[in-house]
């Protein structure tokens, strides 16, 4: 089930992100594990503004989450994390669909994200969910700024890409 998180659940989400990120070590991206997770302040703002959703287990406990932001007024899937033991059950896909539905209801025709192009649970995963890579020459200024910020946090720029999905 996908729903908005309850206020006490916000503190659980960075732990979910950290645990889900551990798999990056296996593909030579240990720096991702060392990066700080989404801040409690940004998650709480997302909750208050209706831009944050959680996937919950049959017992009602958060096992994943998705956060949407609007850089330059574009709908942006900023974070998608699912606990390792719950991956492969469709929770990530359901979270993506929830974000896409919300973006569409706000009048957006496209959903964007940045990801690793060569990591199987990143660009190939999103490609299977109707996202396509945007040529760098098509990136608007705000996306270039987003990429620069990611680079400063340690994401290798040659492995990163921005993808988009039509919501029409």
C-alpha atoms as a PDB file:
ATOM      1  CA  UNK A   1       0.000   0.000   0.000  1.00  0.00           C
ATOM      2  CA  UNK A   2       1.140   3.532  -0.800  1.00  0.00           C
ATOM      3  CA  UNK A   3       0.096   6.465   1.372  1.00  0.00           C
ATOM      4  CA  UNK A   4       1.324   9.742   2.826  1.00  0.00           C
ATOM      5  CA  UNK A   5       3.499   9.199   5.910  1.00  0.00           C
ATOM      6  CA  UNK A   6       2.341   9.954   9.435  1.00  0.00           C
ATOM      7  CA  UNK A   7       4.474  12.602  11.222  1.00  0.00           C
ATOM      8  CA  UNK A   8       6.242  10.087  13.545  1.00  0.00           C
ATOM      9  CA  UNK A   9       7.299   8.013  10.510  1.00  0.00           C
ATOM     10  CA  UNK A  10       9.466  10.773   9.039  1.00  0.00           C
ATOM     11  CA  UNK A  11      12.396   9.842  11.275  1.00  0.00           C
ATOM     12  CA  UNK A  12      12.378   6.301   9.810  1.00  0.00           C
ATOM     13  CA  UNK A  13      12.878   7.394   6.194  1.00  0.00           C
ATOM     14  CA  UNK A  14      16.600   8.338   6.345  1.00  0.00           C
ATOM     15  CA  UNK A  15      17.225   4.877   7.815  1.00  0.00           C
ATOM     16  CA  UNK A  16      15.380   3.300   4.887  1.00  0.00           C
ATOM     17  CA  UNK A  17      17.444   5.337   2.421  1.00  0.00           C
ATOM     18  CA  UNK A  18      20.721   4.440   4.142  1.00  0.00           C
ATOM     19  CA  UNK A  19      19.908   0.714   4.185  1.00  0.00           C
ATOM     20  CA  UNK A  20      18.750   0.720   0.554  1.00  0.00           C
ATOM     21  CA  UNK A  21      21.927   2.536  -0.513  1.00  0.00           C
ATOM     22  CA  UNK A  22      24.230  -0.182   0.851  1.00  0.00           C
ATOM     23  CA  UNK A  23      23.954  -2.071  -2.437  1.00  0.00           C
ATOM     24  CA  UNK A  24      25.909   0.706  -4.188  1.00  0.00           C
ATOM     25  CA  UNK A  25      29.095  -0.676  -2.643  1.00  0.00           C
ATOM     26  CA  UNK A  26      28.752  -3.747  -4.913  1.00  0.00           C
ATOM     27  CA  UNK A  27      29.033  -1.575  -8.039  1.00  0.00           C
ATOM     28  CA  UNK A  28      31.976   0.565  -6.943  1.00  0.00           C
ATOM     29  CA  UNK A  29      29.901   3.465  -5.659  1.00  0.00           C
ATOM     30  CA  UNK A  30      30.705   3.341  -1.966  1.00  0.00           C
ATOM     31  CA  UNK A  31      30.647   7.145  -1.924  1.00  0.00           C
ATOM     32  CA  UNK A  32      26.859   6.981  -2.281  1.00  0.00           C
ATOM     33  CA  UNK A  33      26.697   5.081   1.012  1.00  0.00           C
ATOM     34  CA  UNK A  34      28.760   7.804   2.676  1.00  0.00           C
ATOM     35  CA  UNK A  35      26.502  10.625   1.490  1.00  0.00           C
ATOM     36  CA  UNK A  36      23.933  11.947   3.942  1.00  0.00           C
ATOM     37  CA  UNK A  37      20.351  10.807   3.348  1.00  0.00           C
ATOM     38  CA  UNK A  38      17.467  13.178   2.707  1.00  0.00           C
ATOM     39  CA  UNK A  39      17.223  15.553   5.630  1.00  0.00           C
ATOM     40  CA  UNK A  40      14.423  15.328   8.146  1.00  0.00           C
ATOM     41  CA  UNK A  41      13.561  18.947   7.294  1.00  0.00           C
ATOM     42  CA  UNK A  42      13.143  18.220   3.565  1.00  0.00           C
ATOM     43  CA  UNK A  43      11.159  15.064   4.317  1.00  0.00           C
ATOM     44  CA  UNK A  44       8.900  16.892   6.755  1.00  0.00           C
ATOM     45  CA  UNK A  45       8.365  19.689   4.217  1.00  0.00           C
ATOM     46  CA  UNK A  46       7.494  17.041   1.638  1.00  0.00           C
ATOM     47  CA  UNK A  47       5.001  15.484   4.050  1.00  0.00           C
ATOM     48  CA  UNK A  48       3.358  18.814   4.863  1.00  0.00           C
ATOM     49  CA  UNK A  49       3.159  19.762   1.175  1.00  0.00           C
ATOM     50  CA  UNK A  50       1.838  16.364   0.004  1.00  0.00           C
ATOM     51  CA  UNK A  51       4.992  15.507  -1.994  1.00  0.00           C
ATOM     52  CA  UNK A  52       6.073  12.491   0.061  1.00  0.00           C
ATOM     53  CA  UNK A  53       4.681   8.954   0.007  1.00  0.00           C
ATOM     54  CA  UNK A  54       5.579   5.753   1.811  1.00  0.00           C
ATOM     55  CA  UNK A  55       5.162   2.130   0.815  1.00  0.00           C
ATOM     56  CA  UNK A  56       4.063   0.113   3.809  1.00  0.00           C
ATOM     57  CA  UNK A  57       4.378  -3.552   4.729  1.00  0.00           C
ATOM     58  CA  UNK A  58       1.316  -5.711   5.455  1.00  0.00           C
ATOM     59  CA  UNK A  59       1.827  -4.677   9.106  1.00  0.00           C
ATOM     60  CA  UNK A  60       1.592  -1.001   8.121  1.00  0.00           C
ATOM     61  CA  UNK A  61       5.271  -0.163   8.650  1.00  0.00           C
ATOM     62  CA  UNK A  62       7.130   2.050   6.145  1.00  0.00           C
ATOM     63  CA  UNK A  63       9.434   0.008   3.930  1.00  0.00           C
ATOM     64  CA  UNK A  64      10.096   2.575   1.204  1.00  0.00           C
ATOM     65  CA  UNK A  65       9.410   6.132   0.185  1.00  0.00           C
ATOM     66  CA  UNK A  66       9.363   8.587  -2.699  1.00  0.00           C
ATOM     67  CA  UNK A  67       9.895  12.345  -2.518  1.00  0.00           C
ATOM     68  CA  UNK A  68       8.902  14.736  -5.294  1.00  0.00           C
ATOM     69  CA  UNK A  69      10.344  18.219  -5.716  1.00  0.00           C
ATOM     70  CA  UNK A  70       9.815  21.004  -8.245  1.00  0.00           C
ATOM     71  CA  UNK A  71      13.148  22.504  -9.369  1.00  0.00           C
ATOM     72  CA  UNK A  72      12.396  25.266 -11.858  1.00  0.00           C
ATOM     73  CA  UNK A  73       8.723  24.247 -11.712  1.00  0.00           C
ATOM     74  CA  UNK A  74       9.521  20.821 -13.192  1.00  0.00           C
ATOM     75  CA  UNK A  75       8.135  17.693 -11.513  1.00  0.00           C
ATOM     76  CA  UNK A  76      11.175  15.810 -10.190  1.00  0.00           C
ATOM     77  CA  UNK A  77      11.388  12.401  -8.498  1.00  0.00           C
ATOM     78  CA  UNK A  78      14.029  13.428  -5.998  1.00  0.00           C
ATOM     79  CA  UNK A  79      14.332  10.233  -3.991  1.00  0.00           C
ATOM     80  CA  UNK A  80      13.110   6.660  -4.299  1.00  0.00           C
ATOM     81  CA  UNK A  81      14.211   4.116  -1.698  1.00  0.00           C
ATOM     82  CA  UNK A  82      12.910   0.684  -0.722  1.00  0.00           C
ATOM     83  CA  UNK A  83      14.394  -1.558   1.947  1.00  0.00           C
ATOM     84  CA  UNK A  84      16.450  -4.349   0.388  1.00  0.00           C
ATOM     85  CA  UNK A  85      14.299  -7.204   1.698  1.00  0.00           C
ATOM     86  CA  UNK A  86      11.207  -5.621   0.104  1.00  0.00           C
ATOM     87  CA  UNK A  87      12.759  -4.907  -3.300  1.00  0.00           C
ATOM     88  CA  UNK A  88      11.386  -6.886  -6.220  1.00  0.00           C
ATOM     89  CA  UNK A  89       7.785  -6.822  -4.989  1.00  0.00           C
ATOM     90  CA  UNK A  90       6.622  -3.783  -6.949  1.00  0.00           C
ATOM     91  CA  UNK A  91       6.820  -1.186  -4.187  1.00  0.00           C
ATOM     92  CA  UNK A  92       9.274   1.002  -6.116  1.00  0.00           C
ATOM     93  CA  UNK A  93       7.046   0.871  -9.203  1.00  0.00           C
ATOM     94  CA  UNK A  94       3.986   1.707  -7.111  1.00  0.00           C
ATOM     95  CA  UNK A  95       5.775   4.687  -5.584  1.00  0.00           C
ATOM     96  CA  UNK A  96       6.794   5.909  -9.044  1.00  0.00           C
ATOM     97  CA  UNK A  97       3.196   5.600 -10.245  1.00  0.00           C
ATOM     98  CA  UNK A  98       1.991   7.575  -7.221  1.00  0.00           C
ATOM     99  CA  UNK A  99       4.467  10.371  -7.949  1.00  0.00           C
ATOM    100  CA  UNK A 100       3.497  10.362 -11.642  1.00  0.00           C
ATOM    101  CA  UNK A 101      -0.206  10.539 -10.750  1.00  0.00           C
ATOM    102  CA  UNK A 102       0.392  13.417  -8.344  1.00  0.00           C
ATOM    103  CA  UNK A 103       2.529  15.314 -10.870  1.00  0.00           C
ATOM    104  CA  UNK A 104      -0.117  14.815 -13.567  1.00  0.00           C
ATOM    105  CA  UNK A 105      -2.867  16.041 -11.224  1.00  0.00           C
ATOM    106  CA  UNK A 106      -0.837  19.223 -10.674  1.00  0.00           C
ATOM    107  CA  UNK A 107      -0.744  19.845 -14.425  1.00  0.00           C
ATOM    108  CA  UNK A 108       2.726  18.509 -15.199  1.00  0.00           C
ATOM    109  CA  UNK A 109       3.181  16.710 -18.506  1.00  0.00           C
ATOM    110  CA  UNK A 110       6.596  15.242 -17.668  1.00  0.00           C
ATOM    111  CA  UNK A 111       8.298  13.686 -14.642  1.00  0.00           C
ATOM    112  CA  UNK A 112      12.095  13.949 -14.374  1.00  0.00           C
ATOM    113  CA  UNK A 113      14.840  12.358 -12.281  1.00  0.00           C
ATOM    114  CA  UNK A 114      18.602  11.980 -12.173  1.00  0.00           C
ATOM    115  CA  UNK A 115      20.218   8.576 -11.809  1.00  0.00           C
ATOM    116  CA  UNK A 116      23.181   6.369 -12.637  1.00  0.00           C
ATOM    117  CA  UNK A 117      23.089   5.270 -16.249  1.00  0.00           C
ATOM    118  CA  UNK A 118      25.062   2.035 -15.697  1.00  0.00           C
ATOM    119  CA  UNK A 119      23.540   0.665 -12.470  1.00  0.00           C
ATOM    120  CA  UNK A 120      20.867  -1.993 -13.049  1.00  0.00           C
ATOM    121  CA  UNK A 121      18.448  -0.649 -10.444  1.00  0.00           C
ATOM    122  CA  UNK A 122      18.831   2.908 -11.771  1.00  0.00           C
ATOM    123  CA  UNK A 123      18.562   3.941 -15.467  1.00  0.00           C
ATOM    124  CA  UNK A 124      17.686   0.439 -16.768  1.00  0.00           C
ATOM    125  CA  UNK A 125      15.021   0.125 -14.039  1.00  0.00           C
ATOM    126  CA  UNK A 126      13.547   3.517 -14.895  1.00  0.00           C
ATOM    127  CA  UNK A 127      13.683   2.733 -18.625  1.00  0.00           C
ATOM    128  CA  UNK A 128      11.414  -0.234 -17.985  1.00  0.00           C
ATOM    129  CA  UNK A 129       9.009   2.247 -16.368  1.00  0.00           C
ATOM    130  CA  UNK A 130       8.800   4.504 -19.445  1.00  0.00           C
ATOM    131  CA  UNK A 131      11.590   6.959 -18.590  1.00  0.00           C
ATOM    132  CA  UNK A 132      13.989   7.945 -21.374  1.00  0.00           C
ATOM    133  CA  UNK A 133      17.392   9.545 -21.120  1.00  0.00           C
ATOM    134  CA  UNK A 134      17.519  13.246 -21.952  1.00  0.00           C
ATOM    135  CA  UNK A 135      20.427  14.319 -24.155  1.00  0.00           C
ATOM    136  CA  UNK A 136      22.650  16.681 -22.150  1.00  0.00           C
ATOM    137  CA  UNK A 137      22.096  19.399 -24.736  1.00  0.00           C
ATOM    138  CA  UNK A 138      18.379  19.360 -23.866  1.00  0.00           C
ATOM    139  CA  UNK A 139      18.880  19.915 -20.139  1.00  0.00           C
ATOM    140  CA  UNK A 140      17.440  23.237 -19.025  1.00  0.00           C
ATOM    141  CA  UNK A 141      19.619  25.455 -16.833  1.00  0.00           C
ATOM    142  CA  UNK A 142      17.974  24.262 -13.602  1.00  0.00           C
ATOM    143  CA  UNK A 143      18.804  20.627 -14.454  1.00  0.00           C
ATOM    144  CA  UNK A 144      22.412  21.585 -15.168  1.00  0.00           C
ATOM    145  CA  UNK A 145      22.520  23.206 -11.739  1.00  0.00           C
ATOM    146  CA  UNK A 146      21.030  20.037 -10.221  1.00  0.00           C
ATOM    147  CA  UNK A 147      23.754  17.969 -11.896  1.00  0.00           C
ATOM    148  CA  UNK A 148      26.459  20.326 -10.619  1.00  0.00           C
ATOM    149  CA  UNK A 149      25.129  20.007  -7.080  1.00  0.00           C
ATOM    150  CA  UNK A 150      25.143  16.212  -7.372  1.00  0.00           C
ATOM    151  CA  UNK A 151      28.731  16.361  -8.647  1.00  0.00           C
ATOM    152  CA  UNK A 152      29.718  18.414  -5.599  1.00  0.00           C
ATOM    153  CA  UNK A 153      28.225  15.721  -3.364  1.00  0.00           C
ATOM    154  CA  UNK A 154      30.483  13.127  -4.965  1.00  0.00           C
ATOM    155  CA  UNK A 155      28.362  11.582  -7.716  1.00  0.00           C
ATOM    156  CA  UNK A 156      30.669  10.864 -10.692  1.00  0.00           C
ATOM    157  CA  UNK A 157      29.225  13.003 -13.523  1.00  0.00           C
ATOM    158  CA  UNK A 158      30.242  10.587 -16.320  1.00  0.00           C
ATOM    159  CA  UNK A 159      28.002   7.918 -14.757  1.00  0.00           C
ATOM    160  CA  UNK A 160      24.983  10.185 -14.227  1.00  0.00           C
ATOM    161  CA  UNK A 161      22.077  11.043 -16.480  1.00  0.00           C
ATOM    162  CA  UNK A 162      18.743  12.819 -16.350  1.00  0.00           C
ATOM    163  CA  UNK A 163      15.678  10.940 -17.490  1.00  0.00           C
ATOM    164  CA  UNK A 164      12.125  11.995 -18.237  1.00  0.00           C
ATOM    165  CA  UNK A 165       8.782  10.289 -18.523  1.00  0.00           C
ATOM    166  CA  UNK A 166       5.815  11.656 -20.399  1.00  0.00           C
ATOM    167  CA  UNK A 167       2.696  11.874 -18.263  1.00  0.00           C
ATOM    168  CA  UNK A 168       0.295  12.317 -21.197  1.00  0.00           C
END
